[in-house]
Amino acid sequence: MYFADNLKDDLIDHIGETITVFTKSGGESGRGFTGVLLSVNGCLVRLTTRIGPAPGCALGNACDFCYNSKRSRGDFRGFQRDIGSVIDIPIDSIAAVVFNAV
């Protein structure tokens, strides 16, 4: 528990910064996860690995469902489906953490 507590305390100082977390696993997950550190607790580290776009459609414009449903194809032109992604990593699975020294 001592290692996990120290790691948690160290990571709390870096909330809001971009870090890379390497885990004790193989395959793709062993290559590390890079993202903005959102939160840390006694069990998990939460990163956002892709930040979603800001709202781009005002009410009543071409992104509106009612507007598009009147079109012949009824598609959602300009509609953004990318809301970002978040990853939770168990603290006891962390092998190493890399962050900027400055």
N, C-alpha and C. Protein backbone atom coordinates (compact mmCIF):
# COMPACT_ATOMS: atom_id res chain seq x y z
N MET A 1 0.81 -1.20 0.00
CA MET A 1 0.00 0.00 0.00
C MET A 1 0.85 1.27 0.00
N TYR A 2 2.03 1.19 0.56
CA TYR A 2 2.88 2.38 0.66
C TYR A 2 3.21 2.94 -0.72
N PHE A 3 3.56 2.05 -1.67
CA PHE A 3 3.87 2.49 -3.03
C PHE A 3 2.66 3.16 -3.66
N ALA A 4 1.50 2.53 -3.52
CA ALA A 4 0.28 3.08 -4.13
C ALA A 4 -0.06 4.44 -3.53
N ASP A 5 0.11 4.59 -2.23
CA ASP A 5 -0.17 5.88 -1.60
C ASP A 5 0.78 6.96 -2.10
N ASN A 6 2.07 6.64 -2.21
CA ASN A 6 3.03 7.62 -2.73
C ASN A 6 2.74 7.97 -4.17
N LEU A 7 2.42 6.97 -4.97
CA LEU A 7 2.10 7.21 -6.38
C LEU A 7 0.86 8.10 -6.49
N LYS A 8 -0.15 7.79 -5.71
CA LYS A 8 -1.37 8.61 -5.72
C LYS A 8 -1.05 10.06 -5.36
N ASP A 9 -0.28 10.26 -4.30
CA ASP A 9 0.07 11.62 -3.89
C ASP A 9 0.88 12.35 -4.96
N ASP A 10 1.80 11.64 -5.61
CA ASP A 10 2.59 12.25 -6.68
C ASP A 10 1.72 12.61 -7.88
N LEU A 11 0.80 11.73 -8.24
CA LEU A 11 -0.06 11.97 -9.40
C LEU A 11 -1.03 13.13 -9.16
N ILE A 12 -1.51 13.28 -7.95
CA ILE A 12 -2.43 14.38 -7.64
C ILE A 12 -1.82 15.72 -8.00
N ASP A 13 -0.50 15.84 -7.84
CA ASP A 13 0.18 17.09 -8.19
C ASP A 13 0.18 17.37 -9.69
N HIS A 14 -0.16 16.37 -10.51
CA HIS A 14 -0.12 16.52 -11.96
C HIS A 14 -1.49 16.50 -12.61
N ILE A 15 -2.55 16.63 -11.83
CA ILE A 15 -3.90 16.69 -12.41
C ILE A 15 -3.98 17.89 -13.36
N GLY A 16 -4.52 17.64 -14.54
CA GLY A 16 -4.63 18.67 -15.57
C GLY A 16 -3.48 18.67 -16.56
N GLU A 17 -2.46 17.87 -16.29
CA GLU A 17 -1.30 17.78 -17.19
C GLU A 17 -1.40 16.54 -18.08
N THR A 18 -0.69 16.57 -19.20
CA THR A 18 -0.60 15.41 -20.07
C THR A 18 0.49 14.48 -19.55
N ILE A 19 0.13 13.22 -19.34
CA ILE A 19 1.07 12.22 -18.84
C ILE A 19 0.93 10.95 -19.67
N THR A 20 1.89 10.05 -19.52
CA THR A 20 1.81 8.72 -20.11
C THR A 20 1.92 7.71 -18.98
N VAL A 21 0.99 6.76 -18.95
CA VAL A 21 0.97 5.72 -17.93
C VAL A 21 1.24 4.39 -18.60
N PHE A 22 2.28 3.69 -18.15
CA PHE A 22 2.58 2.35 -18.63
C PHE A 22 2.05 1.35 -17.61
N THR A 23 1.43 0.29 -18.10
CA THR A 23 0.82 -0.69 -17.21
C THR A 23 1.61 -2.00 -17.21
N LYS A 24 1.34 -2.83 -16.22
CA LYS A 24 1.99 -4.14 -16.09
C LYS A 24 1.24 -5.16 -16.94
N SER A 25 1.16 -4.91 -18.21
CA SER A 25 0.47 -5.83 -19.11
C SER A 25 1.17 -5.85 -20.44
N GLY A 26 0.82 -6.80 -21.25
CA GLY A 26 1.42 -6.91 -22.57
C GLY A 26 0.51 -6.37 -23.64
N GLY A 27 0.89 -6.60 -24.86
CA GLY A 27 0.06 -6.16 -25.98
C GLY A 27 -0.03 -4.66 -26.08
N GLU A 28 -1.13 -4.19 -26.64
CA GLU A 28 -1.33 -2.75 -26.85
C GLU A 28 -1.35 -1.98 -25.55
N SER A 29 -1.96 -2.54 -24.49
CA SER A 29 -2.06 -1.80 -23.23
C SER A 29 -0.70 -1.61 -22.56
N GLY A 30 0.26 -2.48 -22.85
CA GLY A 30 1.59 -2.35 -22.29
C GLY A 30 2.40 -1.22 -22.91
N ARG A 31 1.92 -0.69 -24.03
CA ARG A 31 2.62 0.42 -24.70
C ARG A 31 2.38 1.76 -24.03
N GLY A 32 1.43 1.81 -23.14
CA GLY A 32 1.17 3.03 -22.40
C GLY A 32 -0.04 3.78 -22.91
N PHE A 33 -0.57 4.61 -22.04
CA PHE A 33 -1.73 5.44 -22.35
C PHE A 33 -1.34 6.88 -22.10
N THR A 34 -1.50 7.72 -23.10
CA THR A 34 -1.17 9.14 -22.96
C THR A 34 -2.46 9.94 -22.99
N GLY A 35 -2.59 10.85 -22.02
CA GLY A 35 -3.77 11.69 -21.96
C GLY A 35 -3.65 12.71 -20.85
N VAL A 36 -4.68 13.50 -20.71
CA VAL A 36 -4.72 14.51 -19.66
C VAL A 36 -5.25 13.83 -18.39
N LEU A 37 -4.51 13.99 -17.30
CA LEU A 37 -4.89 13.40 -16.02
C LEU A 37 -6.09 14.15 -15.45
N LEU A 38 -7.22 13.43 -15.32
CA LEU A 38 -8.44 14.05 -14.82
C LEU A 38 -8.60 13.91 -13.32
N SER A 39 -8.33 12.71 -12.80
CA SER A 39 -8.52 12.49 -11.37
C SER A 39 -7.71 11.29 -10.92
N VAL A 40 -7.51 11.24 -9.59
CA VAL A 40 -6.77 10.15 -8.95
C VAL A 40 -7.46 9.85 -7.64
N ASN A 41 -7.67 8.56 -7.36
CA ASN A 41 -8.14 8.18 -6.03
C ASN A 41 -7.31 6.99 -5.56
N GLY A 42 -7.68 6.36 -4.48
CA GLY A 42 -6.90 5.26 -3.94
C GLY A 42 -6.87 4.03 -4.82
N CYS A 43 -7.77 3.95 -5.80
CA CYS A 43 -7.86 2.76 -6.64
C CYS A 43 -7.54 3.01 -8.12
N LEU A 44 -7.95 4.16 -8.64
CA LEU A 44 -7.89 4.41 -10.08
C LEU A 44 -7.25 5.73 -10.44
N VAL A 45 -6.67 5.74 -11.65
CA VAL A 45 -6.20 6.96 -12.30
C VAL A 45 -7.09 7.14 -13.52
N ARG A 46 -7.65 8.34 -13.72
CA ARG A 46 -8.53 8.59 -14.85
C ARG A 46 -7.87 9.59 -15.80
N LEU A 47 -7.75 9.17 -17.07
CA LEU A 47 -7.19 10.01 -18.13
C LEU A 47 -8.25 10.23 -19.20
N THR A 48 -8.20 11.36 -19.84
CA THR A 48 -8.96 11.53 -21.07
C THR A 48 -7.95 11.44 -22.20
N THR A 49 -8.17 10.49 -23.09
CA THR A 49 -7.22 10.26 -24.17
C THR A 49 -7.63 10.97 -25.45
N ARG A 50 -8.86 11.44 -25.49
CA ARG A 50 -9.31 12.21 -26.64
C ARG A 50 -10.40 13.15 -26.15
N ILE A 51 -10.17 14.43 -26.31
CA ILE A 51 -11.14 15.43 -25.86
C ILE A 51 -12.12 15.68 -26.99
N GLY A 52 -13.39 15.61 -26.68
CA GLY A 52 -14.43 15.83 -27.68
C GLY A 52 -14.49 17.27 -28.13
N PRO A 53 -15.15 17.53 -29.25
CA PRO A 53 -15.24 18.89 -29.78
C PRO A 53 -16.19 19.75 -28.96
N ALA A 54 -15.99 21.04 -29.05
CA ALA A 54 -16.93 21.99 -28.43
C ALA A 54 -18.23 21.96 -29.21
N PRO A 55 -19.33 22.38 -28.59
CA PRO A 55 -20.60 22.42 -29.32
C PRO A 55 -20.45 23.29 -30.57
N GLY A 56 -20.93 22.76 -31.69
CA GLY A 56 -20.77 23.49 -32.94
C GLY A 56 -22.07 23.87 -33.59
N CYS A 57 -23.19 23.45 -33.02
CA CYS A 57 -24.48 23.70 -33.65
C CYS A 57 -25.39 24.50 -32.73
N ALA A 58 -25.82 25.64 -33.20
CA ALA A 58 -26.80 26.43 -32.45
C ALA A 58 -28.20 25.88 -32.75
N LEU A 59 -29.14 26.17 -31.90
CA LEU A 59 -30.51 25.70 -32.12
C LEU A 59 -31.08 26.29 -33.41
N GLY A 60 -31.76 25.44 -34.18
CA GLY A 60 -32.44 25.91 -35.36
C GLY A 60 -31.59 26.03 -36.61
N ASN A 61 -30.37 25.52 -36.59
CA ASN A 61 -29.56 25.61 -37.81
C ASN A 61 -29.49 24.24 -38.50
N ALA A 62 -28.58 24.09 -39.41
CA ALA A 62 -28.51 22.88 -40.24
C ALA A 62 -28.16 21.61 -39.46
N CYS A 63 -27.74 21.70 -38.22
CA CYS A 63 -27.45 20.51 -37.41
C CYS A 63 -28.68 20.02 -36.67
N ASP A 64 -29.76 20.75 -36.75
CA ASP A 64 -31.00 20.42 -36.05
C ASP A 64 -31.67 19.23 -36.72
N PHE A 65 -32.20 18.30 -35.92
CA PHE A 65 -32.86 17.11 -36.46
C PHE A 65 -34.06 17.49 -37.33
N CYS A 66 -34.87 18.43 -36.88
CA CYS A 66 -36.06 18.81 -37.65
C CYS A 66 -35.68 19.38 -39.01
N TYR A 67 -34.65 20.18 -39.04
CA TYR A 67 -34.17 20.75 -40.30
C TYR A 67 -33.74 19.63 -41.24
N ASN A 68 -32.96 18.68 -40.72
CA ASN A 68 -32.43 17.62 -41.57
C ASN A 68 -33.47 16.59 -41.96
N SER A 69 -34.49 16.38 -41.11
CA SER A 69 -35.50 15.37 -41.45
C SER A 69 -36.34 15.81 -42.65
N LYS A 70 -36.33 17.10 -42.97
CA LYS A 70 -37.06 17.60 -44.13
C LYS A 70 -36.26 17.41 -45.41
N ARG A 71 -34.99 17.11 -45.26
CA ARG A 71 -34.15 16.88 -46.44
C ARG A 71 -34.51 15.52 -47.03
N SER A 72 -34.19 15.33 -48.28
CA SER A 72 -34.56 14.08 -48.94
C SER A 72 -33.90 12.86 -48.29
N ARG A 73 -32.67 13.01 -47.80
CA ARG A 73 -31.98 11.86 -47.21
C ARG A 73 -32.16 11.82 -45.70
N GLY A 74 -32.54 12.91 -45.08
CA GLY A 74 -32.74 12.94 -43.64
C GLY A 74 -31.45 12.70 -42.85
N ASP A 75 -30.32 13.11 -43.40
CA ASP A 75 -29.05 12.87 -42.71
C ASP A 75 -28.73 14.00 -41.73
N PHE A 76 -27.69 13.81 -40.98
CA PHE A 76 -27.27 14.79 -39.98
C PHE A 76 -25.97 15.43 -40.43
N ARG A 77 -26.01 16.26 -41.41
CA ARG A 77 -24.80 16.91 -41.88
C ARG A 77 -24.29 17.86 -40.82
N GLY A 78 -23.02 17.77 -40.53
CA GLY A 78 -22.42 18.62 -39.53
C GLY A 78 -22.56 18.07 -38.12
N PHE A 79 -23.24 16.94 -37.94
CA PHE A 79 -23.44 16.36 -36.62
C PHE A 79 -22.18 15.65 -36.15
N GLN A 80 -21.68 16.01 -34.99
CA GLN A 80 -20.46 15.42 -34.45
C GLN A 80 -20.81 14.29 -33.49
N ARG A 81 -20.30 13.10 -33.74
CA ARG A 81 -20.52 11.97 -32.85
C ARG A 81 -19.32 11.70 -31.95
N ASP A 82 -18.22 12.36 -32.14
CA ASP A 82 -17.01 12.13 -31.37
C ASP A 82 -17.09 12.89 -30.06
N ILE A 83 -17.38 12.17 -28.97
CA ILE A 83 -17.52 12.82 -27.67
C ILE A 83 -16.28 12.67 -26.81
N GLY A 84 -15.23 12.08 -27.38
CA GLY A 84 -14.00 11.91 -26.62
C GLY A 84 -13.93 10.53 -26.01
N SER A 85 -12.88 10.29 -25.22
CA SER A 85 -12.74 9.01 -24.54
C SER A 85 -12.02 9.20 -23.22
N VAL A 86 -12.37 8.35 -22.27
CA VAL A 86 -11.81 8.37 -20.92
C VAL A 86 -11.34 6.97 -20.59
N ILE A 87 -10.21 6.87 -19.91
CA ILE A 87 -9.70 5.56 -19.50
C ILE A 87 -9.44 5.57 -18.00
N ASP A 88 -9.84 4.50 -17.34
CA ASP A 88 -9.57 4.29 -15.93
C ASP A 88 -8.52 3.20 -15.80
N ILE A 89 -7.43 3.49 -15.09
CA ILE A 89 -6.34 2.54 -14.91
C ILE A 89 -6.21 2.24 -13.43
N PRO A 90 -6.30 0.98 -13.03
CA PRO A 90 -6.09 0.63 -11.62
C PRO A 90 -4.67 1.00 -11.18
N ILE A 91 -4.53 1.65 -10.04
CA ILE A 91 -3.21 2.08 -9.57
C ILE A 91 -2.27 0.88 -9.39
N ASP A 92 -2.80 -0.26 -8.95
CA ASP A 92 -1.92 -1.42 -8.74
C ASP A 92 -1.45 -2.06 -10.04
N SER A 93 -1.95 -1.58 -11.19
CA SER A 93 -1.51 -2.08 -12.50
C SER A 93 -0.49 -1.16 -13.16
N ILE A 94 -0.13 -0.07 -12.51
CA ILE A 94 0.79 0.90 -13.10
C ILE A 94 2.23 0.46 -12.89
N ALA A 95 2.99 0.42 -13.99
CA ALA A 95 4.41 0.09 -13.93
C ALA A 95 5.27 1.35 -13.91
N ALA A 96 4.86 2.37 -14.66
CA ALA A 96 5.63 3.61 -14.73
C ALA A 96 4.73 4.75 -15.20
N VAL A 97 5.11 5.96 -14.82
CA VAL A 97 4.39 7.16 -15.24
C VAL A 97 5.43 8.15 -15.76
N VAL A 98 5.13 8.75 -16.90
CA VAL A 98 6.04 9.73 -17.50
C VAL A 98 5.29 11.06 -17.61
N PHE A 99 5.93 12.12 -17.13
CA PHE A 99 5.37 13.45 -17.24
C PHE A 99 6.48 14.45 -17.41
N ASN A 100 6.15 15.66 -17.86
CA ASN A 100 7.17 16.69 -18.08
C ASN A 100 7.79 17.10 -16.75
N ALA A 101 9.08 17.35 -16.79
CA ALA A 101 9.81 17.74 -15.58
C ALA A 101 9.61 19.21 -15.24
N VAL A 102 9.18 20.00 -16.20
CA VAL A 102 9.02 21.43 -15.97
C VAL A 102 7.63 21.73 -15.46
